[in-house]
Amino acid sequence: MKGYDRNCPMCRFMRSLAFTGVGMGLGCGVAYLLGASYQNMLMSGIVVSAIIVFGMQKQTRK
């Protein structure tokens, strides 16, 4: 698909939403397995999702 722009704002937004969900799942799941409290689970999910989203944005800007 040559004519399809994969770096349009809507595509980047949808990718960030998807990776935010994945990051929250990973962060909360690992924290849950380690026995963290509910607040710490949410904080680790936010941190992991931010790392994934901002890491993917750097790669797609090239």
N, C-alpha and C. Protein backbone atom coordinates (compact mmCIF):
# COMPACT_ATOMS: atom_id res chain seq x y z
N MET A 1 0.84 -1.18 0.00
CA MET A 1 0.00 0.00 0.00
C MET A 1 0.88 1.25 0.00
N LYS A 2 1.26 1.69 -1.17
CA LYS A 2 2.18 2.82 -1.27
C LYS A 2 1.55 4.15 -0.88
N GLY A 3 0.29 4.36 -1.19
CA GLY A 3 -0.33 5.65 -0.97
C GLY A 3 -0.83 5.89 0.44
N TYR A 4 -0.65 4.94 1.33
CA TYR A 4 -1.19 5.04 2.67
C TYR A 4 -0.18 5.69 3.61
N ASP A 5 -0.54 6.82 4.21
CA ASP A 5 0.35 7.53 5.12
C ASP A 5 0.21 6.93 6.52
N ARG A 6 1.22 6.24 6.98
CA ARG A 6 1.17 5.60 8.29
C ARG A 6 1.56 6.54 9.43
N ASN A 7 1.97 7.73 9.10
CA ASN A 7 2.40 8.66 10.13
C ASN A 7 1.42 9.83 10.26
N CYS A 8 0.17 9.64 9.88
CA CYS A 8 -0.81 10.71 10.02
C CYS A 8 -1.18 10.87 11.50
N PRO A 9 -1.70 12.02 11.90
CA PRO A 9 -2.01 12.24 13.31
C PRO A 9 -3.02 11.23 13.87
N MET A 10 -3.99 10.84 13.09
CA MET A 10 -4.98 9.88 13.58
C MET A 10 -4.35 8.50 13.80
N CYS A 11 -3.47 8.11 12.90
CA CYS A 11 -2.78 6.81 13.06
C CYS A 11 -1.90 6.82 14.30
N ARG A 12 -1.18 7.91 14.53
CA ARG A 12 -0.33 8.00 15.72
C ARG A 12 -1.17 7.97 16.99
N PHE A 13 -2.33 8.64 16.96
CA PHE A 13 -3.21 8.65 18.12
C PHE A 13 -3.74 7.25 18.42
N MET A 14 -4.17 6.54 17.40
CA MET A 14 -4.70 5.19 17.60
C MET A 14 -3.62 4.24 18.08
N ARG A 15 -2.41 4.38 17.55
CA ARG A 15 -1.30 3.54 18.03
C ARG A 15 -0.99 3.83 19.49
N SER A 16 -1.02 5.10 19.88
CA SER A 16 -0.72 5.43 21.27
C SER A 16 -1.80 4.89 22.20
N LEU A 17 -3.06 4.90 21.76
CA LEU A 17 -4.12 4.30 22.59
C LEU A 17 -3.91 2.80 22.76
N ALA A 18 -3.54 2.13 21.69
CA ALA A 18 -3.32 0.69 21.76
C ALA A 18 -2.15 0.36 22.68
N PHE A 19 -1.04 1.09 22.53
CA PHE A 19 0.12 0.80 23.36
C PHE A 19 -0.08 1.24 24.80
N THR A 20 -0.96 2.22 25.03
CA THR A 20 -1.28 2.59 26.40
C THR A 20 -2.00 1.45 27.10
N GLY A 21 -2.93 0.81 26.40
CA GLY A 21 -3.63 -0.34 26.97
C GLY A 21 -2.70 -1.49 27.25
N VAL A 22 -1.78 -1.76 26.32
CA VAL A 22 -0.81 -2.83 26.51
C VAL A 22 0.11 -2.52 27.69
N GLY A 23 0.56 -1.27 27.77
CA GLY A 23 1.44 -0.88 28.87
C GLY A 23 0.76 -0.96 30.23
N MET A 24 -0.52 -0.55 30.27
CA MET A 24 -1.25 -0.65 31.54
C MET A 24 -1.41 -2.11 31.94
N GLY A 25 -1.70 -2.97 30.97
CA GLY A 25 -1.85 -4.39 31.27
C GLY A 25 -0.56 -5.00 31.79
N LEU A 26 0.54 -4.68 31.13
CA LEU A 26 1.83 -5.23 31.56
C LEU A 26 2.25 -4.69 32.92
N GLY A 27 2.16 -3.37 33.08
CA GLY A 27 2.59 -2.76 34.33
C GLY A 27 1.76 -3.20 35.51
N CYS A 28 0.45 -3.21 35.35
CA CYS A 28 -0.43 -3.63 36.44
C CYS A 28 -0.30 -5.12 36.73
N GLY A 29 -0.13 -5.91 35.68
CA GLY A 29 0.01 -7.35 35.87
C GLY A 29 1.26 -7.72 36.62
N VAL A 30 2.37 -7.11 36.25
CA VAL A 30 3.63 -7.40 36.95
C VAL A 30 3.57 -6.91 38.39
N ALA A 31 3.01 -5.72 38.60
CA ALA A 31 2.89 -5.20 39.96
C ALA A 31 1.97 -6.08 40.81
N TYR A 32 0.91 -6.58 40.20
CA TYR A 32 0.00 -7.47 40.92
C TYR A 32 0.71 -8.76 41.33
N LEU A 33 1.48 -9.30 40.42
CA LEU A 33 2.22 -10.53 40.73
C LEU A 33 3.27 -10.32 41.82
N LEU A 34 3.78 -9.10 41.92
CA LEU A 34 4.76 -8.79 42.96
C LEU A 34 4.10 -8.39 44.28
N GLY A 35 2.77 -8.34 44.31
CA GLY A 35 2.05 -8.05 45.54
C GLY A 35 1.92 -6.59 45.88
N ALA A 36 1.91 -5.71 44.88
CA ALA A 36 1.81 -4.28 45.12
C ALA A 36 0.38 -3.89 45.48
N SER A 37 0.26 -2.72 46.10
CA SER A 37 -1.07 -2.20 46.42
C SER A 37 -1.73 -1.67 45.15
N TYR A 38 -3.01 -1.34 45.26
CA TYR A 38 -3.78 -0.87 44.09
C TYR A 38 -3.18 0.41 43.52
N GLN A 39 -2.80 1.35 44.36
CA GLN A 39 -2.23 2.61 43.89
C GLN A 39 -0.90 2.38 43.19
N ASN A 40 -0.09 1.50 43.74
CA ASN A 40 1.20 1.22 43.11
C ASN A 40 1.03 0.47 41.79
N MET A 41 0.00 -0.35 41.70
CA MET A 41 -0.28 -1.03 40.44
C MET A 41 -0.63 -0.02 39.36
N LEU A 42 -1.47 0.95 39.69
CA LEU A 42 -1.85 1.96 38.71
C LEU A 42 -0.67 2.84 38.31
N MET A 43 0.16 3.20 39.28
CA MET A 43 1.32 4.02 38.97
C MET A 43 2.32 3.28 38.08
N SER A 44 2.54 2.02 38.34
CA SER A 44 3.46 1.27 37.49
C SER A 44 2.87 1.08 36.10
N GLY A 45 1.57 0.91 35.99
CA GLY A 45 0.93 0.82 34.68
C GLY A 45 1.09 2.11 33.89
N ILE A 46 0.93 3.25 34.54
CA ILE A 46 1.09 4.54 33.86
C ILE A 46 2.52 4.73 33.39
N VAL A 47 3.47 4.37 34.23
CA VAL A 47 4.88 4.54 33.86
C VAL A 47 5.25 3.63 32.68
N VAL A 48 4.84 2.38 32.73
CA VAL A 48 5.16 1.45 31.64
C VAL A 48 4.50 1.89 30.34
N SER A 49 3.25 2.32 30.40
CA SER A 49 2.59 2.76 29.17
C SER A 49 3.23 4.02 28.61
N ALA A 50 3.67 4.93 29.46
CA ALA A 50 4.35 6.14 28.97
C ALA A 50 5.68 5.78 28.30
N ILE A 51 6.39 4.83 28.88
CA ILE A 51 7.66 4.41 28.27
C ILE A 51 7.41 3.80 26.90
N ILE A 52 6.40 2.97 26.78
CA ILE A 52 6.12 2.33 25.50
C ILE A 52 5.66 3.35 24.47
N VAL A 53 4.74 4.24 24.85
CA VAL A 53 4.20 5.22 23.89
C VAL A 53 5.28 6.17 23.42
N PHE A 54 6.07 6.74 24.32
CA PHE A 54 7.09 7.70 23.91
C PHE A 54 8.24 7.01 23.19
N GLY A 55 8.51 5.77 23.52
CA GLY A 55 9.52 5.01 22.79
C GLY A 55 9.10 4.73 21.37
N MET A 56 7.82 4.42 21.16
CA MET A 56 7.32 4.17 19.81
C MET A 56 7.26 5.46 18.99
N GLN A 57 6.99 6.59 19.63
CA GLN A 57 6.91 7.85 18.89
C GLN A 57 8.28 8.25 18.35
N LYS A 58 9.33 7.96 19.09
CA LYS A 58 10.67 8.28 18.59
C LYS A 58 11.00 7.45 17.36
N GLN A 59 10.57 6.21 17.34
CA GLN A 59 10.88 5.33 16.22
C GLN A 59 10.10 5.70 14.97
N THR A 60 8.87 6.18 15.12
CA THR A 60 8.03 6.47 13.95
C THR A 60 8.32 7.83 13.34
N ARG A 61 9.07 8.69 13.99
CA ARG A 61 9.34 10.03 13.45
C ARG A 61 10.45 10.04 12.42
N LYS A 62 11.18 8.98 12.28
CA LYS A 62 12.31 8.95 11.36
C LYS A 62 11.88 9.10 9.93
